[in-house]
Amino acid sequence: MTEGNFVDYVKVYAESGNGGKGSVHLHREKYITKGGPDGGDGGRGGHVIVRGNSNLWTLVNYKFRKHFKAGHGEHGAKSRSTGADGEDVYMEVPLGTVVRDTETNEILFEITEHGEEKILVEGGKGGRGNWHFKTSTNQTPRYAQPGIPGQETRVTLELKVLADVGLVGFPNAGKSTLLSVITSAKPKIADYEFTTLKPNLGIVEYRDFQSFVMADIPGIIEGAAEGKGLGHYFLRHIERNATLLFLIPADSKDISKEYEILLDELRRYNPELLDKQRLVAISKSDMLDDELMHEMRVELDKDLKNVTYMFISSVAQQGIQELKDRLWNMLNQ
């Protein structure tokens, strides 16, 4: 999937159909001149329905089509015939989509299962035909109910990536390189910050034909929790990951400080993120010799207490299999 096709935030307009009018009709037939009222009910207006689809990974279908309008219900007819319901309109979305009211920013619902359906806007009810209003004192009512108008709304669709492992780190930490090495994904890789502007997903193939999904989340910067840069757009994707893999380059000035800054950004955005399992990987470790790596271990054991860490190199393929093993064990505990 190219980066331009990964759309994770769109605003759309949805309008349901009007209900059909009830019929005002008096039964007429040969030899029956005064058969009484027999006007049928109007049909229900069409709903606009959001439906989960596990085969979709992005909201790219809504990049250019932003208006959805359901069909109107048909009017009632004679012989108590009910009008046909208006045609429903379905909006297929990937799993992990959050639907918000654009004006109030209130979360309306979330779609997390394949085939799950939620009515976004209900169609108007059809009006009742005149036969409903027949009484002993009014045996030929010449009125019926009009159909109820449809509703309209403007909503925002937000996709929170559903992945088993989320890569967390500062820009240019080597997340895209790692993803390209352990999966068949082909993210954009370059030697400058914010090469990745959209999440990339890859399937990690494990032993015995098993696999898990890894997401390369765009780099976090200090102040992201307050929306600095594109903080909120990036951080929301981390909410759906089962395990967080913190990636910090070996040439960082202070590895433990970088880890604390990343952790603090997650804490300020959503404290519940700290309940997730965490693993720290020191990337680009092929530039370290044995002596330097030993010194770093001594420092990290003091600074990163009770935190599991390991050294890896995506380019030199060092520690990659061990990383897969650890992640698999964490996901299946």
C-alpha atoms as a PDB file:
ATOM      1  CA  MET A   1       0.000   0.000   0.000  1.00  0.00           C
ATOM      2  CA  THR A   2       1.483   3.362  -0.971  1.00  0.00           C
ATOM      3  CA  GLU A   3       1.629   6.071   1.653  1.00  0.00           C
ATOM      4  CA  GLY A   4      -0.723   8.280  -0.337  1.00  0.00           C
ATOM      5  CA  ASN A   5      -3.421   5.619  -0.162  1.00  0.00           C
ATOM      6  CA  PHE A   6      -3.291   5.342   3.614  1.00  0.00           C
ATOM      7  CA  VAL A   7      -6.133   7.636   4.648  1.00  0.00           C
ATOM      8  CA  ASP A   8      -6.953   7.540   8.360  1.00  0.00           C
ATOM      9  CA  TYR A   9      -9.015  10.722   8.902  1.00  0.00           C
ATOM     10  CA  VAL A  10     -11.975  11.905   6.814  1.00  0.00           C
ATOM     11  CA  LYS A  11     -15.121  13.997   7.271  1.00  0.00           C
ATOM     12  CA  VAL A  12     -18.311  12.873   5.544  1.00  0.00           C
ATOM     13  CA  TYR A  13     -21.929  13.984   5.189  1.00  0.00           C
ATOM     14  CA  ALA A  14     -24.737  11.438   5.563  1.00  0.00           C
ATOM     15  CA  GLU A  15     -28.477  11.868   4.939  1.00  0.00           C
ATOM     16  CA  SER A  16     -31.176   9.271   5.464  1.00  0.00           C
ATOM     17  CA  GLY A  17     -34.308   8.958   3.327  1.00  0.00           C
ATOM     18  CA  ASN A  18     -37.729  10.458   3.985  1.00  0.00           C
ATOM     19  CA  GLY A  19     -40.599   8.217   5.003  1.00  0.00           C
ATOM     20  CA  GLY A  20     -43.332   7.770   2.394  1.00  0.00           C
ATOM     21  CA  LYS A  21     -46.754   9.383   2.818  1.00  0.00           C
ATOM     22  CA  GLY A  22     -49.716   7.365   3.988  1.00  0.00           C
ATOM     23  CA  SER A  23     -52.442   6.925   1.370  1.00  0.00           C
ATOM     24  CA  VAL A  24     -55.889   8.546   1.509  1.00  0.00           C
ATOM     25  CA  HIS A  25     -58.036   6.081  -0.424  1.00  0.00           C
ATOM     26  CA  LEU A  26     -61.595   4.828  -0.169  1.00  0.00           C
ATOM     27  CA  HIS A  27     -62.298   1.297  -1.306  1.00  0.00           C
ATOM     28  CA  ARG A  28     -64.299   1.141  -4.512  1.00  0.00           C
ATOM     29  CA  GLU A  29     -65.352  -2.030  -6.277  1.00  0.00           C
ATOM     30  CA  LYS A  30     -68.231  -3.252  -8.414  1.00  0.00           C
ATOM     31  CA  TYR A  31     -71.349  -3.540  -6.264  1.00  0.00           C
ATOM     32  CA  ILE A  32     -69.463  -1.908  -3.359  1.00  0.00           C
ATOM     33  CA  THR A  33     -69.918   1.824  -3.584  1.00  0.00           C
ATOM     34  CA  LYS A  34     -68.920   2.711  -0.059  1.00  0.00           C
ATOM     35  CA  GLY A  35     -66.217   0.280   1.003  1.00  0.00           C
ATOM     36  CA  GLY A  36     -64.576   2.502   3.556  1.00  0.00           C
ATOM     37  CA  PRO A  37     -60.961   3.666   3.902  1.00  0.00           C
ATOM     38  CA  ASP A  38     -58.182   1.335   2.697  1.00  0.00           C
ATOM     39  CA  GLY A  39     -55.180   3.645   2.225  1.00  0.00           C
ATOM     40  CA  GLY A  40     -51.870   1.888   3.006  1.00  0.00           C
ATOM     41  CA  ASP A  41     -48.896   3.081   5.020  1.00  0.00           C
ATOM     42  CA  GLY A  42     -45.855   4.808   3.571  1.00  0.00           C
ATOM     43  CA  GLY A  43     -42.547   2.936   3.442  1.00  0.00           C
ATOM     44  CA  ARG A  44     -39.634   3.657   5.774  1.00  0.00           C
ATOM     45  CA  GLY A  45     -36.867   5.909   4.506  1.00  0.00           C
ATOM     46  CA  GLY A  46     -33.478   4.287   3.912  1.00  0.00           C
ATOM     47  CA  HIS A  47     -30.838   4.195   6.677  1.00  0.00           C
ATOM     48  CA  VAL A  48     -27.188   5.116   6.308  1.00  0.00           C
ATOM     49  CA  ILE A  49     -25.328   2.199   7.916  1.00  0.00           C
ATOM     50  CA  VAL A  50     -21.648   1.845   8.817  1.00  0.00           C
ATOM     51  CA  ARG A  51     -20.352  -1.729   8.422  1.00  0.00           C
ATOM     52  CA  GLY A  52     -17.006  -3.231   9.424  1.00  0.00           C
ATOM     53  CA  ASN A  53     -14.915  -4.971   6.765  1.00  0.00           C
ATOM     54  CA  SER A  54     -11.765  -6.851   7.785  1.00  0.00           C
ATOM     55  CA  ASN A  55     -10.470  -6.736   4.195  1.00  0.00           C
ATOM     56  CA  LEU A  56     -10.032  -2.965   4.343  1.00  0.00           C
ATOM     57  CA  TRP A  57      -6.988  -1.289   5.904  1.00  0.00           C
ATOM     58  CA  THR A  58      -7.621   2.358   5.111  1.00  0.00           C
ATOM     59  CA  LEU A  59     -10.352   4.971   4.598  1.00  0.00           C
ATOM     60  CA  VAL A  60      -9.138   5.745   1.063  1.00  0.00           C
ATOM     61  CA  ASN A  61     -12.659   4.996  -0.297  1.00  0.00           C
ATOM     62  CA  TYR A  62     -13.817   8.209   1.377  1.00  0.00           C
ATOM     63  CA  LYS A  63     -11.015  10.374   0.061  1.00  0.00           C
ATOM     64  CA  PHE A  64     -13.121  11.617  -2.844  1.00  0.00           C
ATOM     65  CA  ARG A  65     -16.667  10.411  -2.037  1.00  0.00           C
ATOM     66  CA  LYS A  66     -17.854  12.332   1.016  1.00  0.00           C
ATOM     67  CA  HIS A  67     -21.658  12.458   0.577  1.00  0.00           C
ATOM     68  CA  PHE A  68     -23.952   9.526   1.302  1.00  0.00           C
ATOM     69  CA  LYS A  69     -27.709   9.741   0.777  1.00  0.00           C
ATOM     70  CA  ALA A  70     -30.186   6.904   1.325  1.00  0.00           C
ATOM     71  CA  GLY A  71     -33.344   6.371  -0.741  1.00  0.00           C
ATOM     72  CA  HIS A  72     -36.812   7.709   0.154  1.00  0.00           C
ATOM     73  CA  GLY A  73     -39.657   5.413   1.176  1.00  0.00           C
ATOM     74  CA  GLU A  74     -42.455   5.026  -1.338  1.00  0.00           C
ATOM     75  CA  HIS A  75     -45.977   6.276  -0.618  1.00  0.00           C
ATOM     76  CA  GLY A  76     -48.774   3.975   0.522  1.00  0.00           C
ATOM     77  CA  ALA A  77     -51.370   2.757  -1.964  1.00  0.00           C
ATOM     78  CA  LYS A  78     -54.911   1.399  -2.069  1.00  0.00           C
ATOM     79  CA  SER A  79     -55.948  -1.939  -0.630  1.00  0.00           C
ATOM     80  CA  ARG A  80     -53.838  -1.217   2.441  1.00  0.00           C
ATOM     81  CA  SER A  81     -50.658  -1.650   0.383  1.00  0.00           C
ATOM     82  CA  THR A  82     -47.571  -0.447   2.234  1.00  0.00           C
ATOM     83  CA  GLY A  83     -45.021   1.489   0.200  1.00  0.00           C
ATOM     84  CA  ALA A  84     -41.572  -0.031  -0.331  1.00  0.00           C
ATOM     85  CA  ASP A  85     -38.831   0.952   2.105  1.00  0.00           C
ATOM     86  CA  GLY A  86     -36.141   3.290   0.856  1.00  0.00           C
ATOM     87  CA  GLU A  87     -32.812   1.751  -0.149  1.00  0.00           C
ATOM     88  CA  ASP A  88     -30.253   1.615   2.669  1.00  0.00           C
ATOM     89  CA  VAL A  89     -26.748   2.918   2.014  1.00  0.00           C
ATOM     90  CA  TYR A  90     -23.778   1.029   3.491  1.00  0.00           C
ATOM     91  CA  MET A  91     -20.444   2.627   4.353  1.00  0.00           C
ATOM     92  CA  GLU A  92     -17.768  -0.093   4.541  1.00  0.00           C
ATOM     93  CA  VAL A  93     -14.962   0.811   6.933  1.00  0.00           C
ATOM     94  CA  PRO A  94     -11.853  -0.997   8.226  1.00  0.00           C
ATOM     95  CA  LEU A  95     -11.847  -2.450  11.725  1.00  0.00           C
ATOM     96  CA  GLY A  96     -10.676   0.064  14.292  1.00  0.00           C
ATOM     97  CA  THR A  97     -12.704   2.964  12.861  1.00  0.00           C
ATOM     98  CA  VAL A  98     -14.053   5.501  15.347  1.00  0.00           C
ATOM     99  CA  VAL A  99     -17.072   7.593  14.286  1.00  0.00           C
ATOM    100  CA  ARG A 100     -17.345  11.069  15.862  1.00  0.00           C
ATOM    101  CA  ASP A 101     -19.886  13.861  15.590  1.00  0.00           C
ATOM    102  CA  THR A 102     -17.967  16.543  13.693  1.00  0.00           C
ATOM    103  CA  GLU A 103     -19.590  19.448  15.561  1.00  0.00           C
ATOM    104  CA  THR A 104     -19.349  18.157  19.151  1.00  0.00           C
ATOM    105  CA  ASN A 105     -16.392  15.757  18.686  1.00  0.00           C
ATOM    106  CA  GLU A 106     -18.417  13.195  20.673  1.00  0.00           C
ATOM    107  CA  ILE A 107     -17.656   9.543  19.919  1.00  0.00           C
ATOM    108  CA  LEU A 108     -20.823   7.957  18.504  1.00  0.00           C
ATOM    109  CA  PHE A 109     -19.519   4.405  18.182  1.00  0.00           C
ATOM    110  CA  GLU A 110     -16.559   2.259  17.144  1.00  0.00           C
ATOM    111  CA  ILE A 111     -16.381  -0.579  14.640  1.00  0.00           C
ATOM    112  CA  THR A 112     -14.129  -3.435  15.779  1.00  0.00           C
ATOM    113  CA  GLU A 113     -15.615  -6.629  14.286  1.00  0.00           C
ATOM    114  CA  HIS A 114     -16.076  -7.878  10.744  1.00  0.00           C
ATOM    115  CA  GLY A 115     -19.699  -7.512   9.632  1.00  0.00           C
ATOM    116  CA  GLU A 116     -20.601  -5.310  12.618  1.00  0.00           C
ATOM    117  CA  GLU A 117     -23.270  -2.797  11.594  1.00  0.00           C
ATOM    118  CA  LYS A 118     -24.266   0.485  13.223  1.00  0.00           C
ATOM    119  CA  ILE A 119     -27.003   2.808  11.946  1.00  0.00           C
ATOM    120  CA  LEU A 120     -25.442   6.228  11.469  1.00  0.00           C
ATOM    121  CA  VAL A 121     -28.678   8.040  10.561  1.00  0.00           C
ATOM    122  CA  GLU A 122     -32.108   6.418  10.685  1.00  0.00           C
ATOM    123  CA  GLY A 123     -34.553   6.770   7.834  1.00  0.00           C
ATOM    124  CA  GLY A 124     -37.818   8.582   8.510  1.00  0.00           C
ATOM    125  CA  LYS A 125     -40.832   6.461   9.428  1.00  0.00           C
ATOM    126  CA  GLY A 126     -43.577   6.110   6.857  1.00  0.00           C
ATOM    127  CA  GLY A 127     -46.904   7.834   7.509  1.00  0.00           C
ATOM    128  CA  ARG A 128     -49.967   5.783   8.396  1.00  0.00           C
ATOM    129  CA  GLY A 129     -52.729   5.388   5.824  1.00  0.00           C
ATOM    130  CA  ASN A 130     -56.275   6.623   6.409  1.00  0.00           C
ATOM    131  CA  TRP A 131     -57.625   3.167   7.345  1.00  0.00           C
ATOM    132  CA  HIS A 132     -55.862   3.542  10.718  1.00  0.00           C
ATOM    133  CA  PHE A 133     -58.052   6.534  11.558  1.00  0.00           C
ATOM    134  CA  LYS A 134     -61.438   4.929  10.977  1.00  0.00           C
ATOM    135  CA  THR A 135     -63.714   5.211  14.028  1.00  0.00           C
ATOM    136  CA  SER A 136     -67.372   4.641  14.765  1.00  0.00           C
ATOM    137  CA  THR A 137     -67.985   8.366  14.458  1.00  0.00           C
ATOM    138  CA  ASN A 138     -65.618   8.993  11.510  1.00  0.00           C
ATOM    139  CA  GLN A 139     -66.008   6.073   9.151  1.00  0.00           C
ATOM    140  CA  THR A 140     -64.524   7.740   6.059  1.00  0.00           C
ATOM    141  CA  PRO A 141     -61.434   9.712   7.191  1.00  0.00           C
ATOM    142  CA  ARG A 142     -60.001  11.677   4.327  1.00  0.00           C
ATOM    143  CA  TYR A 143     -56.591  12.303   5.816  1.00  0.00           C
ATOM    144  CA  ALA A 144     -53.421  10.308   6.451  1.00  0.00           C
ATOM    145  CA  GLN A 145     -50.050  10.931   8.043  1.00  0.00           C
ATOM    146  CA  PRO A 146     -47.181  12.417   6.051  1.00  0.00           C
ATOM    147  CA  GLY A 147     -43.887  10.559   6.221  1.00  0.00           C
ATOM    148  CA  ILE A 148     -41.262  11.707   8.749  1.00  0.00           C
ATOM    149  CA  PRO A 149     -38.350  13.491   7.045  1.00  0.00           C
ATOM    150  CA  GLY A 150     -34.936  11.856   7.050  1.00  0.00           C
ATOM    151  CA  GLN A 151     -32.042  13.068   9.186  1.00  0.00           C
ATOM    152  CA  GLU A 152     -28.688  14.464   8.213  1.00  0.00           C
ATOM    153  CA  THR A 153     -25.380  14.569  10.009  1.00  0.00           C
ATOM    154  CA  ARG A 154     -21.723  15.322   9.511  1.00  0.00           C
ATOM    155  CA  VAL A 155     -19.324  12.855  11.051  1.00  0.00           C
ATOM    156  CA  THR A 156     -15.594  12.323  11.250  1.00  0.00           C
ATOM    157  CA  LEU A 157     -14.158   8.867  10.598  1.00  0.00           C
ATOM    158  CA  GLU A 158     -10.910   8.154  12.431  1.00  0.00           C
ATOM    159  CA  LEU A 159      -8.955   4.975  11.874  1.00  0.00           C
ATOM    160  CA  LYS A 160      -6.942   3.605  14.779  1.00  0.00           C
ATOM    161  CA  VAL A 161      -4.690   0.940  13.346  1.00  0.00           C
ATOM    162  CA  LEU A 162      -5.368  -2.568  14.670  1.00  0.00           C
ATOM    163  CA  ALA A 163      -1.964  -4.232  15.035  1.00  0.00           C
ATOM    164  CA  ASP A 164      -0.385  -6.651  17.482  1.00  0.00           C
ATOM    165  CA  VAL A 165       2.848  -4.679  17.843  1.00  0.00           C
ATOM    166  CA  GLY A 166       3.288  -0.924  17.502  1.00  0.00           C
ATOM    167  CA  LEU A 167       6.711   0.616  16.868  1.00  0.00           C
ATOM    168  CA  VAL A 168       7.264   3.676  19.052  1.00  0.00           C
ATOM    169  CA  GLY A 169      10.220   6.030  18.757  1.00  0.00           C
ATOM    170  CA  PHE A 170      11.546   9.412  17.774  1.00  0.00           C
ATOM    171  CA  PRO A 171      11.844  10.316  14.088  1.00  0.00           C
ATOM    172  CA  ASN A 172      14.704   8.586  12.282  1.00  0.00           C
ATOM    173  CA  ALA A 173      15.063   5.866  14.949  1.00  0.00           C
ATOM    174  CA  GLY A 174      15.060   3.097  12.324  1.00  0.00           C
ATOM    175  CA  LYS A 175      11.426   1.968  12.647  1.00  0.00           C
ATOM    176  CA  SER A 176      10.750   1.786   8.913  1.00  0.00           C
ATOM    177  CA  THR A 177      14.025  -0.074   8.324  1.00  0.00           C
ATOM    178  CA  LEU A 178      13.111  -2.661  10.965  1.00  0.00           C
ATOM    179  CA  LEU A 179       9.635  -3.103   9.472  1.00  0.00           C
ATOM    180  CA  SER A 180      11.109  -3.639   6.005  1.00  0.00           C
ATOM    181  CA  VAL A 181      13.517  -6.272   7.359  1.00  0.00           C
ATOM    182  CA  ILE A 182      11.137  -8.446   9.414  1.00  0.00           C
ATOM    183  CA  THR A 183       8.082  -8.085   7.153  1.00  0.00           C
ATOM    184  CA  SER A 184       7.459  -7.828   3.424  1.00  0.00           C
ATOM    185  CA  ALA A 185       6.266  -4.224   3.793  1.00  0.00           C
ATOM    186  CA  LYS A 186       8.092  -1.604   1.730  1.00  0.00           C
ATOM    187  CA  PRO A 187       7.886   1.653   3.696  1.00  0.00           C
ATOM    188  CA  LYS A 188       9.657   4.783   2.536  1.00  0.00           C
ATOM    189  CA  ILE A 189      13.157   4.907   4.062  1.00  0.00           C
ATOM    190  CA  ALA A 190      15.457   7.936   3.996  1.00  0.00           C
ATOM    191  CA  ASP A 191      18.044   9.624   6.198  1.00  0.00           C
ATOM    192  CA  TYR A 192      15.893  12.503   7.406  1.00  0.00           C
ATOM    193  CA  GLU A 193      13.253  12.974  10.065  1.00  0.00           C
ATOM    194  CA  PHE A 194       9.542  12.386   9.407  1.00  0.00           C
ATOM    195  CA  THR A 195      10.152  10.192   6.369  1.00  0.00           C
ATOM    196  CA  THR A 196       7.074   8.296   7.571  1.00  0.00           C
ATOM    197  CA  LEU A 197       3.943  10.434   7.723  1.00  0.00           C
ATOM    198  CA  LYS A 198       1.386   7.611   7.730  1.00  0.00           C
ATOM    199  CA  PRO A 199       1.393   4.289   9.619  1.00  0.00           C
ATOM    200  CA  ASN A 200       2.725   1.318   7.701  1.00  0.00           C
ATOM    201  CA  LEU A 201       1.537  -2.223   8.409  1.00  0.00           C
ATOM    202  CA  GLY A 202       3.479  -5.418   7.888  1.00  0.00           C
ATOM    203  CA  ILE A 203       2.897  -9.101   8.646  1.00  0.00           C
ATOM    204  CA  VAL A 204       5.739 -10.738  10.568  1.00  0.00           C
ATOM    205  CA  GLU A 205       6.082 -14.388   9.593  1.00  0.00           C
ATOM    206  CA  TYR A 206       6.957 -16.561  12.561  1.00  0.00           C
ATOM    207  CA  ARG A 207       7.660 -20.246  13.034  1.00  0.00           C
ATOM    208  CA  ASP A 208       5.193 -22.960  11.988  1.00  0.00           C
ATOM    209  CA  PHE A 209       3.394 -20.634   9.550  1.00  0.00           C
ATOM    210  CA  GLN A 210       2.238 -18.365  12.361  1.00  0.00           C
ATOM    211  CA  SER A 211       2.316 -14.586  12.075  1.00  0.00           C
ATOM    212  CA  PHE A 212       1.501 -11.296  13.764  1.00  0.00           C
ATOM    213  CA  VAL A 213       0.937  -7.736  12.559  1.00  0.00           C
ATOM    214  CA  MET A 214       3.398  -4.910  13.212  1.00  0.00           C
ATOM    215  CA  ALA A 215       2.672  -1.209  12.665  1.00  0.00           C
ATOM    216  CA  ASP A 216       5.308   1.450  12.020  1.00  0.00           C
ATOM    217  CA  ILE A 217       3.849   4.506  13.766  1.00  0.00           C
ATOM    218  CA  PRO A 218       5.218   7.890  12.559  1.00  0.00           C
ATOM    219  CA  GLY A 219       7.848   9.357  14.873  1.00  0.00           C
ATOM    220  CA  ILE A 220       6.836  10.996  18.134  1.00  0.00           C
ATOM    221  CA  ILE A 221       8.354  14.330  19.142  1.00  0.00           C
ATOM    222  CA  GLU A 222       8.457  15.969  22.547  1.00  0.00           C
ATOM    223  CA  GLY A 223       5.143  17.771  23.054  1.00  0.00           C
ATOM    224  CA  ALA A 224       3.194  15.366  20.821  1.00  0.00           C
ATOM    225  CA  ALA A 225       0.583  14.784  23.560  1.00  0.00           C
ATOM    226  CA  GLU A 226      -0.347  18.482  23.306  1.00  0.00           C
ATOM    227  CA  GLY A 227      -0.726  18.140  19.551  1.00  0.00           C
ATOM    228  CA  LYS A 228       2.722  19.463  18.645  1.00  0.00           C
ATOM    229  CA  GLY A 229       3.643  18.452  15.123  1.00  0.00           C
ATOM    230  CA  LEU A 230       1.034  15.860  14.208  1.00  0.00           C
ATOM    231  CA  GLY A 231       1.053  14.323  17.666  1.00  0.00           C
ATOM    232  CA  HIS A 232      -2.623  13.470  18.048  1.00  0.00           C
ATOM    233  CA  TYR A 233      -2.769  11.941  14.562  1.00  0.00           C
ATOM    234  CA  PHE A 234       0.176   9.672  15.398  1.00  0.00           C
ATOM    235  CA  LEU A 235      -0.601   8.782  19.006  1.00  0.00           C
ATOM    236  CA  ARG A 236      -4.142   7.552  18.417  1.00  0.00           C
ATOM    237  CA  HIS A 237      -2.808   4.605  16.405  1.00  0.00           C
ATOM    238  CA  ILE A 238      -0.873   3.331  19.429  1.00  0.00           C
ATOM    239  CA  GLU A 239      -4.113   2.871  21.415  1.00  0.00           C
ATOM    240  CA  ARG A 240      -5.028  -0.296  19.496  1.00  0.00           C
ATOM    241  CA  ASN A 241      -1.670  -2.100  19.708  1.00  0.00           C
ATOM    242  CA  ALA A 242      -1.383  -5.031  22.110  1.00  0.00           C
ATOM    243  CA  THR A 243       2.382  -4.607  22.648  1.00  0.00           C
ATOM    244  CA  LEU A 244       4.597  -1.542  22.247  1.00  0.00           C
ATOM    245  CA  LEU A 245       8.133  -1.890  20.902  1.00  0.00           C
ATOM    246  CA  PHE A 246      10.199   1.176  21.798  1.00  0.00           C
ATOM    247  CA  LEU A 247      12.981   1.707  19.272  1.00  0.00           C
ATOM    248  CA  ILE A 248      15.915   3.887  20.373  1.00  0.00           C
ATOM    249  CA  PRO A 249      19.108   4.177  18.272  1.00  0.00           C
ATOM    250  CA  ALA A 250      22.408   3.164  19.845  1.00  0.00           C
ATOM    251  CA  ASP A 251      23.973   6.523  18.909  1.00  0.00           C
ATOM    252  CA  SER A 252      21.422   8.414  21.021  1.00  0.00           C
ATOM    253  CA  LYS A 253      22.936  10.865  23.521  1.00  0.00           C
ATOM    254  CA  ASP A 254      20.920   9.427  26.403  1.00  0.00           C
ATOM    255  CA  ILE A 255      18.932   6.238  25.784  1.00  0.00           C
ATOM    256  CA  SER A 256      17.171   6.168  29.164  1.00  0.00           C
ATOM    257  CA  LYS A 257      16.160   9.833  28.840  1.00  0.00           C
ATOM    258  CA  GLU A 258      14.713   9.232  25.356  1.00  0.00           C
ATOM    259  CA  TYR A 259      12.736   6.293  26.721  1.00  0.00           C
ATOM    260  CA  GLU A 260      11.354   8.425  29.579  1.00  0.00           C
ATOM    261  CA  ILE A 261      10.352  11.208  27.161  1.00  0.00           C
ATOM    262  CA  LEU A 262       8.504   8.714  24.930  1.00  0.00           C
ATOM    263  CA  LEU A 263       6.841   7.170  27.971  1.00  0.00           C
ATOM    264  CA  ASP A 264       5.820  10.590  29.271  1.00  0.00           C
ATOM    265  CA  GLU A 265       4.208  11.529  25.937  1.00  0.00           C
ATOM    266  CA  LEU A 266       2.144   8.343  26.040  1.00  0.00           C
ATOM    267  CA  ARG A 267       1.221   8.986  29.673  1.00  0.00           C
ATOM    268  CA  ARG A 268       0.016  12.515  28.945  1.00  0.00           C
ATOM    269  CA  TYR A 269      -1.963  11.452  25.892  1.00  0.00           C
ATOM    270  CA  ASN A 270      -3.642   8.462  27.539  1.00  0.00           C
ATOM    271  CA  PRO A 271      -2.436   6.964  30.846  1.00  0.00           C
ATOM    272  CA  GLU A 272      -3.981   3.608  29.911  1.00  0.00           C
ATOM    273  CA  LEU A 273      -1.248   3.171  27.282  1.00  0.00           C
ATOM    274  CA  LEU A 274       1.215   2.475  30.096  1.00  0.00           C
ATOM    275  CA  ASP A 275      -0.723  -0.701  30.939  1.00  0.00           C
ATOM    276  CA  LYS A 276       0.406  -2.269  27.671  1.00  0.00           C
ATOM    277  CA  GLN A 277       3.376  -4.632  27.492  1.00  0.00           C
ATOM    278  CA  ARG A 278       6.601  -2.863  26.555  1.00  0.00           C
ATOM    279  CA  LEU A 279       9.934  -3.909  25.093  1.00  0.00           C
ATOM    280  CA  VAL A 280      12.875  -1.601  24.393  1.00  0.00           C
ATOM    281  CA  ALA A 281      15.082  -2.366  21.386  1.00  0.00           C
ATOM    282  CA  ILE A 282      18.388  -0.530  20.952  1.00  0.00           C
ATOM    283  CA  SER A 283      18.657  -0.209  17.172  1.00  0.00           C
ATOM    284  CA  LYS A 284      21.723   0.379  14.987  1.00  0.00           C
ATOM    285  CA  SER A 285      23.788  -1.672  17.458  1.00  0.00           C
ATOM    286  CA  ASP A 286      26.090  -2.913  14.668  1.00  0.00           C
ATOM    287  CA  MET A 287      28.096   0.286  15.267  1.00  0.00           C
ATOM    288  CA  LEU A 288      28.956  -0.898  18.798  1.00  0.00           C
ATOM    289  CA  ASP A 289      31.905  -3.136  19.670  1.00  0.00           C
ATOM    290  CA  ASP A 290      31.722  -5.658  22.526  1.00  0.00           C
ATOM    291  CA  GLU A 291      33.380  -3.365  25.049  1.00  0.00           C
ATOM    292  CA  LEU A 292      31.072  -0.425  24.334  1.00  0.00           C
ATOM    293  CA  MET A 293      28.018  -2.669  24.398  1.00  0.00           C
ATOM    294  CA  HIS A 294      29.073  -4.018  27.816  1.00  0.00           C
ATOM    295  CA  GLU A 295      29.437  -0.470  29.181  1.00  0.00           C
ATOM    296  CA  MET A 296      26.014   0.446  27.828  1.00  0.00           C
ATOM    297  CA  ARG A 297      24.454  -2.622  29.462  1.00  0.00           C
ATOM    298  CA  VAL A 298      25.852  -1.593  32.844  1.00  0.00           C
ATOM    299  CA  GLU A 299      24.355   1.891  32.453  1.00  0.00           C
ATOM    300  CA  LEU A 300      21.012   0.613  31.162  1.00  0.00           C
ATOM    301  CA  ASP A 301      20.690  -1.924  33.997  1.00  0.00           C
ATOM    302  CA  LYS A 302      20.931   1.010  36.421  1.00  0.00           C
ATOM    303  CA  ASP A 303      18.692   3.439  34.524  1.00  0.00           C
ATOM    304  CA  LEU A 304      16.063   1.107  33.002  1.00  0.00           C
ATOM    305  CA  LYS A 305      15.106  -0.901  36.062  1.00  0.00           C
ATOM    306  CA  ASN A 306      12.409  -3.534  35.514  1.00  0.00           C
ATOM    307  CA  VAL A 307      12.428  -2.758  31.777  1.00  0.00           C
ATOM    308  CA  THR A 308      13.253  -5.491  29.262  1.00  0.00           C
ATOM    309  CA  TYR A 309      15.674  -4.305  26.591  1.00  0.00           C
ATOM    310  CA  MET A 310      17.786  -5.856  23.855  1.00  0.00           C
ATOM    311  CA  PHE A 311      20.266  -4.829  21.159  1.00  0.00           C
ATOM    312  CA  ILE A 312      19.378  -5.250  17.498  1.00  0.00           C
ATOM    313  CA  SER A 313      20.586  -4.175  14.073  1.00  0.00           C
ATOM    314  CA  SER A 314      18.179  -4.212  11.155  1.00  0.00           C
ATOM    315  CA  VAL A 315      20.907  -3.686   8.560  1.00  0.00           C
ATOM    316  CA  ALA A 316      23.263  -6.358   9.951  1.00  0.00           C
ATOM    317  CA  GLN A 317      20.355  -8.692  10.861  1.00  0.00           C
ATOM    318  CA  GLN A 318      21.584  -8.911  14.460  1.00  0.00           C
ATOM    319  CA  GLY A 319      19.091  -9.996  17.140  1.00  0.00           C
ATOM    320  CA  ILE A 320      16.163 -10.055  14.697  1.00  0.00           C
ATOM    321  CA  GLN A 321      15.111 -13.652  15.376  1.00  0.00           C
ATOM    322  CA  GLU A 322      15.454 -13.123  19.127  1.00  0.00           C
ATOM    323  CA  LEU A 323      13.273 -10.007  18.785  1.00  0.00           C
ATOM    324  CA  LYS A 324      10.585 -12.036  16.973  1.00  0.00           C
ATOM    325  CA  ASP A 325      10.722 -14.683  19.707  1.00  0.00           C
ATOM    326  CA  ARG A 326      10.310 -12.155  22.490  1.00  0.00           C
ATOM    327  CA  LEU A 327       7.440 -10.360  20.779  1.00  0.00           C
ATOM    328  CA  TRP A 328       5.682 -13.654  20.047  1.00  0.00           C
ATOM    329  CA  ASN A 329       6.010 -14.732  23.690  1.00  0.00           C
ATOM    330  CA  MET A 330       4.690 -11.374  24.901  1.00  0.00           C
ATOM    331  CA  LEU A 331       1.688 -11.571  22.569  1.00  0.00           C
ATOM    332  CA  ASN A 332       0.840 -15.103  23.660  1.00  0.00           C
ATOM    333  CA  GLN A 333       1.352 -14.888  27.408  1.00  0.00           C
END
